[in-house]
Amino acid sequence: MRALTQWDPFRELENFSNQLATAMNRPPTARSGQRDEWLLSADWAPSVDILEDDKAYTIKADLPEVKKEDVKVTVENGVLVITGERRAEKEEKGRRYRRIERSHGSFVRSFTVPEDADSGKVNASFKDGLLIVTLPKSEEAKPRSIDVKVS
């Protein structure tokens, strides 16, 4: 006689997630130890908005709880790279985490610099967890009005 086992669709989903993570060279899910909850140990990347107007391209990156000194912006070979790290909070005596969902660790975001941008004049500012990178457009790329002469 065979024993009955309880079907757990979430466990099957977790197994599939682990197989997919392994195939993509990512860490598998980790058990939190609290009531059979599973948490994904994932890499993170800050969310960005990219805006364009007649004068420049602007990249806005959300970097909450990241210190200015932990962020680096570089432009090399036509690629703008934003790197940094959000550090994990240390557990203090008498306090322990019940759940951790916010990702932490190192991140890298890279963007191809448009041909009409002047990569030599990149400007970056950081305030209240928002990184703003401005790539001005080169003078040659800006639209000009040309007078048409009638002969």
C-alpha atoms as a PDB file:
ATOM      1  CA  MET A   1       0.000   0.000   0.000  1.00  0.00           C
ATOM      2  CA  ARG A   2       1.316   3.468  -0.936  1.00  0.00           C
ATOM      3  CA  ALA A   3       1.279   6.385   1.451  1.00  0.00           C
ATOM      4  CA  LEU A   4      -0.644   9.469   0.447  1.00  0.00           C
ATOM      5  CA  THR A   5       1.351  12.647   0.011  1.00  0.00           C
ATOM      6  CA  GLN A   6      -0.021  16.133  -0.032  1.00  0.00           C
ATOM      7  CA  TRP A   7       0.429  17.995  -3.315  1.00  0.00           C
ATOM      8  CA  ASP A   8       1.992  21.419  -2.884  1.00  0.00           C
ATOM      9  CA  PRO A   9       1.803  23.521  -6.066  1.00  0.00           C
ATOM     10  CA  PHE A  10       4.077  26.169  -4.533  1.00  0.00           C
ATOM     11  CA  ARG A  11       6.809  23.620  -3.927  1.00  0.00           C
ATOM     12  CA  GLU A  12       6.599  22.588  -7.577  1.00  0.00           C
ATOM     13  CA  LEU A  13       6.828  26.246  -8.574  1.00  0.00           C
ATOM     14  CA  GLU A  14       9.851  26.664  -6.301  1.00  0.00           C
ATOM     15  CA  ASN A  15      11.504  23.583  -7.841  1.00  0.00           C
ATOM     16  CA  PHE A  16      10.921  24.996 -11.321  1.00  0.00           C
ATOM     17  CA  SER A  17      12.310  28.356 -10.192  1.00  0.00           C
ATOM     18  CA  ASN A  18      15.456  26.645  -8.883  1.00  0.00           C
ATOM     19  CA  GLN A  19      15.932  24.776 -12.161  1.00  0.00           C
ATOM     20  CA  LEU A  20      15.526  28.022 -14.115  1.00  0.00           C
ATOM     21  CA  ALA A  21      17.901  29.879 -11.776  1.00  0.00           C
ATOM     22  CA  THR A  22      20.504  27.141 -12.165  1.00  0.00           C
ATOM     23  CA  ALA A  23      20.200  27.283 -15.964  1.00  0.00           C
ATOM     24  CA  MET A  24      20.759  31.062 -15.856  1.00  0.00           C
ATOM     25  CA  ASN A  25      23.701  30.849 -13.399  1.00  0.00           C
ATOM     26  CA  ARG A  26      21.721  32.566 -10.636  1.00  0.00           C
ATOM     27  CA  PRO A  27      21.493  31.527  -6.998  1.00  0.00           C
ATOM     28  CA  PRO A  28      18.560  29.215  -6.205  1.00  0.00           C
ATOM     29  CA  THR A  29      15.794  30.225  -3.826  1.00  0.00           C
ATOM     30  CA  ALA A  30      16.509  30.061  -0.130  1.00  0.00           C
ATOM     31  CA  ARG A  31      14.188  28.989   2.637  1.00  0.00           C
ATOM     32  CA  SER A  32      13.516  31.741   5.156  1.00  0.00           C
ATOM     33  CA  GLY A  33      12.821  29.374   8.048  1.00  0.00           C
ATOM     34  CA  GLN A  34       9.498  31.022   8.837  1.00  0.00           C
ATOM     35  CA  ARG A  35       6.331  29.037   8.147  1.00  0.00           C
ATOM     36  CA  ASP A  36       7.593  27.405   4.959  1.00  0.00           C
ATOM     37  CA  GLU A  37       8.021  30.742   3.207  1.00  0.00           C
ATOM     38  CA  TRP A  38      10.431  30.854   0.315  1.00  0.00           C
ATOM     39  CA  LEU A  39      12.370  33.932  -0.634  1.00  0.00           C
ATOM     40  CA  LEU A  40      14.273  34.503  -3.831  1.00  0.00           C
ATOM     41  CA  SER A  41      17.884  35.474  -3.353  1.00  0.00           C
ATOM     42  CA  ALA A  42      18.123  37.701  -6.399  1.00  0.00           C
ATOM     43  CA  ASP A  43      20.549  40.174  -7.832  1.00  0.00           C
ATOM     44  CA  TRP A  44      19.119  43.652  -8.048  1.00  0.00           C
ATOM     45  CA  ALA A  45      19.337  46.562 -10.382  1.00  0.00           C
ATOM     46  CA  PRO A  46      17.989  50.044  -9.742  1.00  0.00           C
ATOM     47  CA  SER A  47      14.970  51.150 -11.758  1.00  0.00           C
ATOM     48  CA  VAL A  48      15.704  53.917 -14.253  1.00  0.00           C
ATOM     49  CA  ASP A  49      13.830  56.414 -16.401  1.00  0.00           C
ATOM     50  CA  ILE A  50      15.482  57.802 -19.523  1.00  0.00           C
ATOM     51  CA  LEU A  51      14.254  61.142 -20.837  1.00  0.00           C
ATOM     52  CA  GLU A  52      15.181  63.109 -23.949  1.00  0.00           C
ATOM     53  CA  ASP A  53      14.638  66.717 -24.946  1.00  0.00           C
ATOM     54  CA  ASP A  54      16.242  69.041 -27.508  1.00  0.00           C
ATOM     55  CA  LYS A  55      19.258  69.693 -25.283  1.00  0.00           C
ATOM     56  CA  ALA A  56      20.098  66.447 -23.485  1.00  0.00           C
ATOM     57  CA  TYR A  57      19.396  62.882 -22.430  1.00  0.00           C
ATOM     58  CA  THR A  58      18.645  62.389 -18.734  1.00  0.00           C
ATOM     59  CA  ILE A  59      18.842  59.138 -16.788  1.00  0.00           C
ATOM     60  CA  LYS A  60      17.140  58.999 -13.387  1.00  0.00           C
ATOM     61  CA  ALA A  61      18.027  56.000 -11.220  1.00  0.00           C
ATOM     62  CA  ASP A  62      16.301  55.071  -7.949  1.00  0.00           C
ATOM     63  CA  LEU A  63      18.971  54.280  -5.361  1.00  0.00           C
ATOM     64  CA  PRO A  64      17.267  54.302  -1.945  1.00  0.00           C
ATOM     65  CA  GLU A  65      19.563  53.742   1.021  1.00  0.00           C
ATOM     66  CA  VAL A  66      22.664  53.909  -1.192  1.00  0.00           C
ATOM     67  CA  LYS A  67      25.402  56.313  -0.145  1.00  0.00           C
ATOM     68  CA  LYS A  68      26.881  58.755  -2.656  1.00  0.00           C
ATOM     69  CA  GLU A  69      30.352  57.313  -2.100  1.00  0.00           C
ATOM     70  CA  ASP A  70      29.044  53.845  -3.067  1.00  0.00           C
ATOM     71  CA  VAL A  71      27.966  55.017  -6.558  1.00  0.00           C
ATOM     72  CA  LYS A  72      30.240  55.413  -9.591  1.00  0.00           C
ATOM     73  CA  VAL A  73      29.343  56.739 -13.053  1.00  0.00           C
ATOM     74  CA  THR A  74      31.745  56.207 -15.967  1.00  0.00           C
ATOM     75  CA  VAL A  75      31.666  56.658 -19.736  1.00  0.00           C
ATOM     76  CA  GLU A  76      34.020  54.583 -21.826  1.00  0.00           C
ATOM     77  CA  ASN A  77      33.951  53.430 -25.443  1.00  0.00           C
ATOM     78  CA  GLY A  78      30.440  54.780 -25.997  1.00  0.00           C
ATOM     79  CA  VAL A  79      28.934  53.080 -22.930  1.00  0.00           C
ATOM     80  CA  LEU A  80      27.688  54.837 -19.778  1.00  0.00           C
ATOM     81  CA  VAL A  81      28.010  52.567 -16.743  1.00  0.00           C
ATOM     82  CA  ILE A  82      26.451  53.094 -13.319  1.00  0.00           C
ATOM     83  CA  THR A  83      27.852  50.843 -10.587  1.00  0.00           C
ATOM     84  CA  GLY A  84      27.314  50.773  -6.873  1.00  0.00           C
ATOM     85  CA  GLU A  85      26.305  48.851  -3.824  1.00  0.00           C
ATOM     86  CA  ARG A  86      23.466  48.880  -1.328  1.00  0.00           C
ATOM     87  CA  ARG A  87      24.775  47.423   1.898  1.00  0.00           C
ATOM     88  CA  ALA A  88      22.727  45.061   4.035  1.00  0.00           C
ATOM     89  CA  GLU A  89      21.749  46.285   7.467  1.00  0.00           C
ATOM     90  CA  LYS A  90      23.498  44.524  10.309  1.00  0.00           C
ATOM     91  CA  GLU A  91      21.407  42.763  12.885  1.00  0.00           C
ATOM     92  CA  GLU A  92      21.620  44.414  16.270  1.00  0.00           C
ATOM     93  CA  LYS A  93      21.463  42.656  19.592  1.00  0.00           C
ATOM     94  CA  GLY A  94      17.838  42.212  20.620  1.00  0.00           C
ATOM     95  CA  ARG A  95      16.554  42.658  17.044  1.00  0.00           C
ATOM     96  CA  ARG A  96      16.220  40.062  14.351  1.00  0.00           C
ATOM     97  CA  TYR A  97      14.716  40.100  10.906  1.00  0.00           C
ATOM     98  CA  ARG A  98      11.447  38.267  10.347  1.00  0.00           C
ATOM     99  CA  ARG A  99      11.450  38.873   6.608  1.00  0.00           C
ATOM    100  CA  ILE A 100      13.913  40.391   4.141  1.00  0.00           C
ATOM    101  CA  GLU A 101      12.514  41.277   0.719  1.00  0.00           C
ATOM    102  CA  ARG A 102      14.529  44.342  -0.243  1.00  0.00           C
ATOM    103  CA  SER A 103      17.534  43.363  -2.306  1.00  0.00           C
ATOM    104  CA  HIS A 104      21.025  44.494  -1.448  1.00  0.00           C
ATOM    105  CA  GLY A 105      24.492  44.009  -2.833  1.00  0.00           C
ATOM    106  CA  SER A 106      26.359  45.287  -5.864  1.00  0.00           C
ATOM    107  CA  PHE A 107      24.653  46.441  -9.033  1.00  0.00           C
ATOM    108  CA  VAL A 108      25.648  47.469 -12.548  1.00  0.00           C
ATOM    109  CA  ARG A 109      23.543  49.245 -15.175  1.00  0.00           C
ATOM    110  CA  SER A 110      24.999  50.110 -18.577  1.00  0.00           C
ATOM    111  CA  PHE A 111      23.623  52.144 -21.465  1.00  0.00           C
ATOM    112  CA  THR A 112      24.884  52.824 -24.970  1.00  0.00           C
ATOM    113  CA  VAL A 113      25.580  56.527 -25.365  1.00  0.00           C
ATOM    114  CA  PRO A 114      23.579  57.912 -28.320  1.00  0.00           C
ATOM    115  CA  GLU A 115      25.690  59.183 -31.209  1.00  0.00           C
ATOM    116  CA  ASP A 116      24.365  62.723 -30.828  1.00  0.00           C
ATOM    117  CA  ALA A 117      25.364  62.949 -27.135  1.00  0.00           C
ATOM    118  CA  ASP A 118      28.544  64.680 -26.003  1.00  0.00           C
ATOM    119  CA  SER A 119      30.039  62.060 -23.666  1.00  0.00           C
ATOM    120  CA  GLY A 120      32.770  64.487 -22.621  1.00  0.00           C
ATOM    121  CA  LYS A 121      30.228  66.709 -20.838  1.00  0.00           C
ATOM    122  CA  VAL A 122      28.372  64.124 -18.737  1.00  0.00           C
ATOM    123  CA  ASN A 123      27.068  65.492 -15.443  1.00  0.00           C
ATOM    124  CA  ALA A 124      25.815  63.471 -12.452  1.00  0.00           C
ATOM    125  CA  SER A 125      24.071  64.550  -9.256  1.00  0.00           C
ATOM    126  CA  PHE A 126      22.818  62.527  -6.304  1.00  0.00           C
ATOM    127  CA  LYS A 127      20.220  63.589  -3.737  1.00  0.00           C
ATOM    128  CA  ASP A 128      17.723  61.766  -1.532  1.00  0.00           C
ATOM    129  CA  GLY A 129      18.346  58.396  -3.178  1.00  0.00           C
ATOM    130  CA  LEU A 130      17.927  59.677  -6.744  1.00  0.00           C
ATOM    131  CA  LEU A 131      20.856  59.671  -9.169  1.00  0.00           C
ATOM    132  CA  ILE A 132      20.435  62.014 -12.140  1.00  0.00           C
ATOM    133  CA  VAL A 133      22.881  61.652 -15.031  1.00  0.00           C
ATOM    134  CA  THR A 134      22.701  64.220 -17.838  1.00  0.00           C
ATOM    135  CA  LEU A 135      24.266  63.662 -21.257  1.00  0.00           C
ATOM    136  CA  PRO A 136      24.113  66.929 -23.221  1.00  0.00           C
ATOM    137  CA  LYS A 137      23.596  66.690 -26.959  1.00  0.00           C
ATOM    138  CA  SER A 138      26.499  67.855 -29.091  1.00  0.00           C
ATOM    139  CA  GLU A 139      26.178  71.180 -30.888  1.00  0.00           C
ATOM    140  CA  GLU A 140      26.404  69.495 -34.313  1.00  0.00           C
ATOM    141  CA  ALA A 141      23.440  67.264 -33.499  1.00  0.00           C
ATOM    142  CA  LYS A 142      21.091  70.069 -32.461  1.00  0.00           C
ATOM    143  CA  PRO A 143      18.573  71.063 -35.119  1.00  0.00           C
ATOM    144  CA  ARG A 144      19.334  74.290 -36.948  1.00  0.00           C
ATOM    145  CA  SER A 145      17.232  76.497 -39.110  1.00  0.00           C
ATOM    146  CA  ILE A 146      18.656  77.053 -42.600  1.00  0.00           C
ATOM    147  CA  ASP A 147      17.566  79.981 -44.713  1.00  0.00           C
ATOM    148  CA  VAL A 148      16.577  79.060 -48.237  1.00  0.00           C
ATOM    149  CA  LYS A 149      17.592  81.634 -50.827  1.00  0.00           C
ATOM    150  CA  VAL A 150      15.541  82.227 -53.909  1.00  0.00           C
ATOM    151  CA  SER A 151      17.530  82.864 -57.088  1.00  0.00           C
END
